[in-house]
Amino acid sequence: MARVSVLKNPLLLGFDEIERLIDQITQGVGDGYPPYNIERLHREEGGECLRITLAVAGFKREDLEITIEDHQIMIRGKQTDDTERTYLHRGIAARQFQKVFVLADGIQIEKANLANGLLIIDFIRPTPERIVQRVEIGTGNV
């Protein structure tokens, strides 16, 4: 069944990349691990501030990796099994995860911290300067 996209409107020019990103994200939806929150925070300096908080109990700083590539932030967690221990019951598994979030143009990571089993990543989007540009109309053949 063919999918109809609002981004195919002929009045929307250059939005092919956004549609590709939406397709990419919807394919990766599924695993809810680890749970996370996304918040909008107030900034005194102006601009927008967003915060992603992931519940990563049991992960150490060296078990986590944050990378940004192609307008995406990728958060990976990799734990190794502790072979020194003998478990009678193991309810907390050493688990791996990968979370991907798409970033809009202009969004930058301000900081990332790990405390009390929570990985907190703060993003900022400075208020863009409004630019009005006049386009000269030439004469002649195209």
N, C-alpha and C. Protein backbone atom coordinates (compact mmCIF):
# COMPACT_ATOMS: atom_id res chain seq x y z
N MET A 1 0.84 -1.18 0.00
CA MET A 1 0.00 0.00 0.00
C MET A 1 0.88 1.24 0.00
N ALA A 2 0.67 2.14 -0.92
CA ALA A 2 1.48 3.35 -1.04
C ALA A 2 1.14 4.33 0.07
N ARG A 3 2.17 4.99 0.57
CA ARG A 3 2.00 5.95 1.64
C ARG A 3 1.91 7.35 1.04
N VAL A 4 0.92 8.13 1.47
CA VAL A 4 0.77 9.50 1.00
C VAL A 4 1.40 10.41 2.04
N SER A 5 2.27 11.28 1.60
CA SER A 5 2.99 12.16 2.52
C SER A 5 2.57 13.60 2.29
N VAL A 6 2.38 14.32 3.39
CA VAL A 6 2.07 15.75 3.30
C VAL A 6 3.28 16.51 2.74
N LEU A 7 4.48 15.93 2.88
CA LEU A 7 5.68 16.58 2.38
C LEU A 7 5.83 16.51 0.87
N LYS A 8 4.93 15.79 0.20
CA LYS A 8 4.95 15.69 -1.27
C LYS A 8 4.24 16.87 -1.93
N ASN A 9 3.69 17.77 -1.13
CA ASN A 9 3.01 18.94 -1.65
C ASN A 9 3.98 19.74 -2.53
N PRO A 10 3.58 20.14 -3.73
CA PRO A 10 4.50 20.85 -4.63
C PRO A 10 4.93 22.23 -4.10
N LEU A 11 4.24 22.76 -3.10
CA LEU A 11 4.63 24.06 -2.53
C LEU A 11 5.71 23.91 -1.46
N LEU A 12 6.02 22.69 -1.04
CA LEU A 12 7.08 22.44 -0.05
C LEU A 12 8.33 21.98 -0.80
N LEU A 13 9.31 22.85 -0.88
CA LEU A 13 10.51 22.57 -1.65
C LEU A 13 11.66 22.16 -0.72
N GLY A 14 12.35 21.09 -1.07
CA GLY A 14 13.54 20.68 -0.34
C GLY A 14 13.30 19.94 0.95
N PHE A 15 12.15 19.32 1.14
CA PHE A 15 11.84 18.60 2.37
C PHE A 15 12.06 17.10 2.24
N ASP A 16 12.73 16.66 1.20
CA ASP A 16 12.99 15.23 0.99
C ASP A 16 13.77 14.64 2.15
N GLU A 17 14.74 15.38 2.67
CA GLU A 17 15.58 14.91 3.77
C GLU A 17 14.74 14.67 5.03
N ILE A 18 13.78 15.54 5.29
CA ILE A 18 12.93 15.37 6.47
C ILE A 18 12.10 14.09 6.33
N GLU A 19 11.58 13.85 5.16
CA GLU A 19 10.80 12.63 4.95
C GLU A 19 11.66 11.38 5.14
N ARG A 20 12.90 11.44 4.67
CA ARG A 20 13.83 10.31 4.85
C ARG A 20 14.09 10.07 6.34
N LEU A 21 14.28 11.15 7.10
CA LEU A 21 14.52 11.01 8.54
C LEU A 21 13.30 10.44 9.26
N ILE A 22 12.11 10.87 8.87
CA ILE A 22 10.89 10.34 9.48
C ILE A 22 10.77 8.86 9.21
N ASP A 23 11.04 8.44 7.98
CA ASP A 23 10.99 7.01 7.64
C ASP A 23 12.01 6.22 8.47
N GLN A 24 13.20 6.78 8.62
CA GLN A 24 14.26 6.11 9.36
C GLN A 24 13.89 5.93 10.82
N ILE A 25 13.30 6.95 11.44
CA ILE A 25 12.93 6.88 12.85
C ILE A 25 11.77 5.91 13.06
N THR A 26 10.77 5.93 12.19
CA THR A 26 9.63 5.04 12.39
C THR A 26 10.01 3.58 12.23
N GLN A 27 11.06 3.28 11.50
CA GLN A 27 11.53 1.91 11.38
C GLN A 27 12.20 1.44 12.67
N GLY A 28 12.81 2.38 13.42
CA GLY A 28 13.53 2.02 14.63
C GLY A 28 12.67 1.99 15.88
N VAL A 29 11.39 2.32 15.78
CA VAL A 29 10.51 2.34 16.94
C VAL A 29 10.20 0.90 17.35
N GLY A 30 10.14 0.67 18.64
CA GLY A 30 9.80 -0.69 19.07
C GLY A 30 10.22 -0.91 20.50
N ASP A 31 11.50 -1.14 20.71
CA ASP A 31 12.01 -1.44 22.03
C ASP A 31 11.92 -0.20 22.92
N GLY A 32 11.27 -0.35 24.06
CA GLY A 32 11.11 0.77 24.98
C GLY A 32 12.22 0.85 26.01
N TYR A 33 13.29 0.07 25.81
CA TYR A 33 14.39 0.06 26.77
C TYR A 33 15.53 0.91 26.26
N PRO A 34 16.12 1.72 27.06
CA PRO A 34 15.72 2.09 28.41
C PRO A 34 14.62 3.15 28.36
N PRO A 35 13.82 3.24 29.42
CA PRO A 35 12.79 4.29 29.43
C PRO A 35 13.43 5.66 29.45
N TYR A 36 12.73 6.65 28.90
CA TYR A 36 13.30 8.00 28.83
C TYR A 36 12.20 9.05 28.93
N ASN A 37 12.61 10.25 29.29
CA ASN A 37 11.73 11.43 29.29
C ASN A 37 12.35 12.47 28.37
N ILE A 38 11.50 13.30 27.80
CA ILE A 38 11.95 14.47 27.05
C ILE A 38 11.23 15.68 27.63
N GLU A 39 11.99 16.70 28.02
CA GLU A 39 11.40 17.89 28.66
C GLU A 39 11.81 19.15 27.90
N ARG A 40 10.97 20.16 28.01
CA ARG A 40 11.31 21.50 27.53
C ARG A 40 11.57 22.33 28.79
N LEU A 41 12.74 22.95 28.86
CA LEU A 41 13.14 23.72 30.03
C LEU A 41 13.21 25.20 29.70
N HIS A 42 13.02 26.03 30.72
CA HIS A 42 13.11 27.48 30.57
C HIS A 42 14.58 27.90 30.68
N ARG A 43 15.02 28.76 29.79
CA ARG A 43 16.38 29.31 29.83
C ARG A 43 16.31 30.81 30.04
N GLU A 44 17.06 31.28 30.99
CA GLU A 44 17.14 32.72 31.26
C GLU A 44 17.74 33.47 30.07
N GLU A 45 18.72 32.84 29.41
CA GLU A 45 19.44 33.49 28.31
C GLU A 45 18.63 33.57 27.04
N GLY A 46 17.49 32.93 26.99
CA GLY A 46 16.68 32.89 25.78
C GLY A 46 16.99 31.66 24.97
N GLY A 47 16.24 31.45 23.94
CA GLY A 47 16.40 30.24 23.14
C GLY A 47 15.68 29.08 23.80
N GLU A 48 15.71 27.96 23.15
CA GLU A 48 15.01 26.79 23.63
C GLU A 48 16.00 25.82 24.26
N CYS A 49 15.58 25.16 25.33
CA CYS A 49 16.40 24.14 25.97
C CYS A 49 15.56 22.87 26.10
N LEU A 50 16.11 21.77 25.63
CA LEU A 50 15.45 20.47 25.71
C LEU A 50 16.33 19.54 26.53
N ARG A 51 15.71 18.59 27.22
CA ARG A 51 16.46 17.63 28.03
C ARG A 51 15.91 16.23 27.78
N ILE A 52 16.82 15.31 27.50
CA ILE A 52 16.48 13.89 27.42
C ILE A 52 17.07 13.24 28.65
N THR A 53 16.26 12.49 29.39
CA THR A 53 16.72 11.75 30.55
C THR A 53 16.44 10.27 30.32
N LEU A 54 17.50 9.46 30.33
CA LEU A 54 17.37 8.02 30.15
C LEU A 54 17.67 7.32 31.47
N ALA A 55 16.85 6.33 31.82
CA ALA A 55 17.06 5.52 33.01
C ALA A 55 18.06 4.42 32.67
N VAL A 56 19.30 4.56 33.10
CA VAL A 56 20.37 3.63 32.75
C VAL A 56 21.00 3.03 34.00
N ALA A 57 20.17 2.63 34.96
CA ALA A 57 20.69 2.05 36.20
C ALA A 57 21.57 0.85 35.88
N GLY A 58 22.70 0.77 36.55
CA GLY A 58 23.63 -0.34 36.35
C GLY A 58 24.70 -0.07 35.31
N PHE A 59 24.55 1.00 34.53
CA PHE A 59 25.56 1.35 33.54
C PHE A 59 26.55 2.34 34.15
N LYS A 60 27.84 2.10 33.89
CA LYS A 60 28.88 3.04 34.30
C LYS A 60 29.13 3.99 33.13
N ARG A 61 29.82 5.08 33.43
CA ARG A 61 30.12 6.08 32.39
C ARG A 61 30.82 5.45 31.19
N GLU A 62 31.75 4.54 31.46
CA GLU A 62 32.50 3.91 30.36
C GLU A 62 31.67 2.90 29.57
N ASP A 63 30.48 2.55 30.07
CA ASP A 63 29.57 1.65 29.35
C ASP A 63 28.69 2.40 28.35
N LEU A 64 28.70 3.73 28.41
CA LEU A 64 27.81 4.56 27.60
C LEU A 64 28.59 5.34 26.56
N GLU A 65 27.95 5.56 25.42
CA GLU A 65 28.57 6.34 24.34
C GLU A 65 27.50 7.21 23.69
N ILE A 66 27.82 8.47 23.48
CA ILE A 66 26.92 9.40 22.80
C ILE A 66 27.65 9.92 21.57
N THR A 67 27.02 9.77 20.40
CA THR A 67 27.59 10.30 19.17
C THR A 67 26.52 11.08 18.41
N ILE A 68 26.99 12.06 17.64
CA ILE A 68 26.09 12.83 16.77
C ILE A 68 26.61 12.68 15.35
N GLU A 69 25.70 12.28 14.47
CA GLU A 69 26.06 12.13 13.07
C GLU A 69 24.82 12.32 12.22
N ASP A 70 24.94 13.12 11.20
CA ASP A 70 23.85 13.29 10.24
C ASP A 70 22.54 13.72 10.91
N HIS A 71 22.59 14.73 11.76
CA HIS A 71 21.41 15.26 12.45
C HIS A 71 20.75 14.24 13.36
N GLN A 72 21.51 13.28 13.85
CA GLN A 72 20.97 12.29 14.76
C GLN A 72 21.90 12.16 15.96
N ILE A 73 21.31 12.03 17.14
CA ILE A 73 22.10 11.69 18.31
C ILE A 73 21.84 10.22 18.60
N MET A 74 22.93 9.47 18.74
CA MET A 74 22.83 8.05 19.01
C MET A 74 23.43 7.80 20.39
N ILE A 75 22.65 7.15 21.24
CA ILE A 75 23.08 6.83 22.60
C ILE A 75 23.15 5.32 22.69
N ARG A 76 24.33 4.81 23.00
CA ARG A 76 24.53 3.36 23.09
C ARG A 76 24.97 3.00 24.50
N GLY A 77 24.47 1.88 24.96
CA GLY A 77 24.90 1.33 26.24
C GLY A 77 25.29 -0.11 26.05
N LYS A 78 26.45 -0.47 26.59
CA LYS A 78 26.93 -1.84 26.43
C LYS A 78 27.50 -2.29 27.76
N GLN A 79 26.90 -3.32 28.35
CA GLN A 79 27.39 -3.90 29.59
C GLN A 79 27.97 -5.28 29.30
N THR A 80 28.93 -5.66 30.08
CA THR A 80 29.49 -7.00 29.94
C THR A 80 29.08 -7.83 31.15
N ASP A 81 28.91 -9.12 30.93
CA ASP A 81 28.55 -10.02 32.02
C ASP A 81 29.70 -10.13 33.01
N ASP A 82 29.35 -10.12 34.28
CA ASP A 82 30.32 -10.28 35.34
C ASP A 82 30.53 -11.78 35.57
N THR A 83 31.64 -12.30 35.08
CA THR A 83 31.91 -13.74 35.19
C THR A 83 32.45 -14.12 36.57
N GLU A 84 32.76 -13.13 37.39
CA GLU A 84 33.29 -13.39 38.73
C GLU A 84 32.19 -13.82 39.71
N ARG A 85 30.95 -13.54 39.39
CA ARG A 85 29.84 -13.81 40.31
C ARG A 85 29.09 -15.07 39.92
N THR A 86 28.53 -15.73 40.95
CA THR A 86 27.64 -16.86 40.74
C THR A 86 26.26 -16.44 41.20
N TYR A 87 25.32 -16.38 40.29
CA TYR A 87 23.97 -15.92 40.61
C TYR A 87 23.06 -17.10 40.97
N LEU A 88 22.30 -16.94 42.03
CA LEU A 88 21.25 -17.89 42.35
C LEU A 88 19.97 -17.52 41.61
N HIS A 89 19.78 -16.23 41.42
CA HIS A 89 18.68 -15.70 40.59
C HIS A 89 19.21 -14.44 39.92
N ARG A 90 18.94 -14.31 38.65
CA ARG A 90 19.42 -13.13 37.91
C ARG A 90 18.23 -12.44 37.28
N GLY A 91 17.76 -11.38 37.93
CA GLY A 91 16.64 -10.60 37.42
C GLY A 91 17.08 -9.33 36.74
N ILE A 92 18.32 -8.93 36.96
CA ILE A 92 18.87 -7.72 36.34
C ILE A 92 19.89 -8.18 35.31
N ALA A 93 19.51 -8.16 34.07
CA ALA A 93 20.38 -8.67 33.01
C ALA A 93 21.36 -7.60 32.56
N ALA A 94 22.53 -8.03 32.16
CA ALA A 94 23.48 -7.13 31.49
C ALA A 94 22.94 -6.98 30.07
N ARG A 95 22.57 -5.79 29.72
CA ARG A 95 21.81 -5.57 28.51
C ARG A 95 22.46 -4.48 27.66
N GLN A 96 22.25 -4.52 26.38
CA GLN A 96 22.73 -3.48 25.48
C GLN A 96 21.54 -2.71 24.96
N PHE A 97 21.78 -1.46 24.58
CA PHE A 97 20.71 -0.68 23.97
C PHE A 97 21.31 0.33 23.00
N GLN A 98 20.43 0.82 22.15
CA GLN A 98 20.77 1.92 21.24
C GLN A 98 19.51 2.75 21.05
N LYS A 99 19.59 4.02 21.35
CA LYS A 99 18.49 4.96 21.15
C LYS A 99 18.95 6.02 20.16
N VAL A 100 18.09 6.35 19.22
CA VAL A 100 18.41 7.36 18.22
C VAL A 100 17.33 8.43 18.25
N PHE A 101 17.74 9.68 18.31
CA PHE A 101 16.84 10.82 18.26
C PHE A 101 17.30 11.71 17.11
N VAL A 102 16.36 12.21 16.32
CA VAL A 102 16.68 13.11 15.21
C VAL A 102 16.71 14.53 15.75
N LEU A 103 17.74 15.28 15.37
CA LEU A 103 17.91 16.66 15.81
C LEU A 103 17.58 17.62 14.68
N ALA A 104 16.84 18.66 15.01
CA ALA A 104 16.54 19.70 14.03
C ALA A 104 17.79 20.54 13.79
N ASP A 105 17.82 21.27 12.70
CA ASP A 105 18.93 22.17 12.43
C ASP A 105 19.08 23.17 13.57
N GLY A 106 20.32 23.42 13.95
CA GLY A 106 20.60 24.41 14.98
C GLY A 106 20.63 23.86 16.40
N ILE A 107 20.15 22.65 16.62
CA ILE A 107 20.17 22.06 17.97
C ILE A 107 21.60 21.62 18.29
N GLN A 108 22.08 21.97 19.48
CA GLN A 108 23.43 21.62 19.91
C GLN A 108 23.36 20.99 21.29
N ILE A 109 24.28 20.06 21.56
CA ILE A 109 24.36 19.49 22.91
C ILE A 109 25.07 20.50 23.80
N GLU A 110 24.45 20.81 24.91
CA GLU A 110 25.06 21.71 25.89
C GLU A 110 25.91 20.92 26.88
N LYS A 111 25.35 19.79 27.38
CA LYS A 111 26.09 18.95 28.33
C LYS A 111 25.40 17.61 28.47
N ALA A 112 26.16 16.64 28.98
CA ALA A 112 25.63 15.31 29.29
C ALA A 112 26.22 14.88 30.63
N ASN A 113 25.37 14.40 31.52
CA ASN A 113 25.80 13.97 32.85
C ASN A 113 25.16 12.64 33.20
N LEU A 114 25.88 11.85 34.01
CA LEU A 114 25.36 10.59 34.53
C LEU A 114 25.37 10.68 36.04
N ALA A 115 24.19 10.57 36.64
CA ALA A 115 24.08 10.64 38.11
C ALA A 115 22.87 9.84 38.56
N ASN A 116 23.06 9.04 39.62
CA ASN A 116 21.96 8.27 40.23
C ASN A 116 21.22 7.40 39.23
N GLY A 117 21.94 6.81 38.27
CA GLY A 117 21.31 5.91 37.31
C GLY A 117 20.56 6.61 36.19
N LEU A 118 20.72 7.94 36.08
CA LEU A 118 20.05 8.70 35.02
C LEU A 118 21.09 9.38 34.15
N LEU A 119 20.97 9.18 32.84
CA LEU A 119 21.80 9.89 31.87
C LEU A 119 21.00 11.09 31.41
N ILE A 120 21.51 12.29 31.67
CA ILE A 120 20.80 13.52 31.35
C ILE A 120 21.58 14.26 30.27
N ILE A 121 20.91 14.53 29.16
CA ILE A 121 21.53 15.24 28.03
C ILE A 121 20.73 16.50 27.79
N ASP A 122 21.39 17.66 27.89
CA ASP A 122 20.73 18.94 27.65
C ASP A 122 21.11 19.47 26.28
N PHE A 123 20.11 19.96 25.56
CA PHE A 123 20.29 20.52 24.23
C PHE A 123 19.85 21.98 24.25
N ILE A 124 20.45 22.78 23.41
CA ILE A 124 20.01 24.17 23.25
C ILE A 124 19.80 24.45 21.78
N ARG A 125 18.86 25.33 21.52
CA ARG A 125 18.65 25.85 20.18
C ARG A 125 18.58 27.35 20.33
N PRO A 126 19.69 28.03 20.02
CA PRO A 126 19.65 29.48 20.13
C PRO A 126 18.58 30.06 19.22
N THR A 127 18.00 31.18 19.63
CA THR A 127 16.99 31.83 18.81
C THR A 127 17.68 32.34 17.55
N PRO A 128 17.23 31.87 16.39
CA PRO A 128 17.90 32.29 15.16
C PRO A 128 17.59 33.75 14.84
N GLU A 129 18.57 34.39 14.24
CA GLU A 129 18.39 35.76 13.80
C GLU A 129 17.51 35.74 12.55
N ARG A 130 16.51 36.59 12.54
CA ARG A 130 15.61 36.62 11.39
C ARG A 130 16.28 37.37 10.25
N ILE A 131 16.35 36.73 9.11
CA ILE A 131 17.02 37.30 7.94
C ILE A 131 16.00 37.49 6.84
N VAL A 132 15.90 38.70 6.34
CA VAL A 132 15.06 39.01 5.19
C VAL A 132 16.01 39.33 4.05
N GLN A 133 15.82 38.66 2.94
CA GLN A 133 16.72 38.81 1.81
C GLN A 133 15.91 39.24 0.59
N ARG A 134 16.37 40.27 -0.07
CA ARG A 134 15.72 40.73 -1.29
C ARG A 134 16.41 40.08 -2.48
N VAL A 135 15.60 39.53 -3.39
CA VAL A 135 16.12 38.86 -4.56
C VAL A 135 15.88 39.75 -5.76
N GLU A 136 16.95 40.07 -6.46
CA GLU A 136 16.83 40.89 -7.66
C GLU A 136 16.33 40.05 -8.81
N ILE A 137 15.48 40.63 -9.62
CA ILE A 137 14.91 39.95 -10.78
C ILE A 137 15.63 40.45 -12.02
N GLY A 138 16.27 39.51 -12.70
CA GLY A 138 17.01 39.88 -13.91
C GLY A 138 16.12 39.82 -15.14
N THR A 139 16.69 40.20 -16.25
CA THR A 139 15.96 40.13 -17.53
C THR A 139 16.74 39.19 -18.45
N GLY A 140 16.08 38.66 -19.40
CA GLY A 140 16.75 37.81 -20.36
C GLY A 140 16.17 36.41 -20.38
N ASN A 141 16.78 35.58 -21.19
CA ASN A 141 16.33 34.22 -21.33
C ASN A 141 16.94 33.33 -20.25
N VAL A 142 16.24 32.26 -19.96
CA VAL A 142 16.73 31.31 -18.94
C VAL A 142 17.62 30.30 -19.55
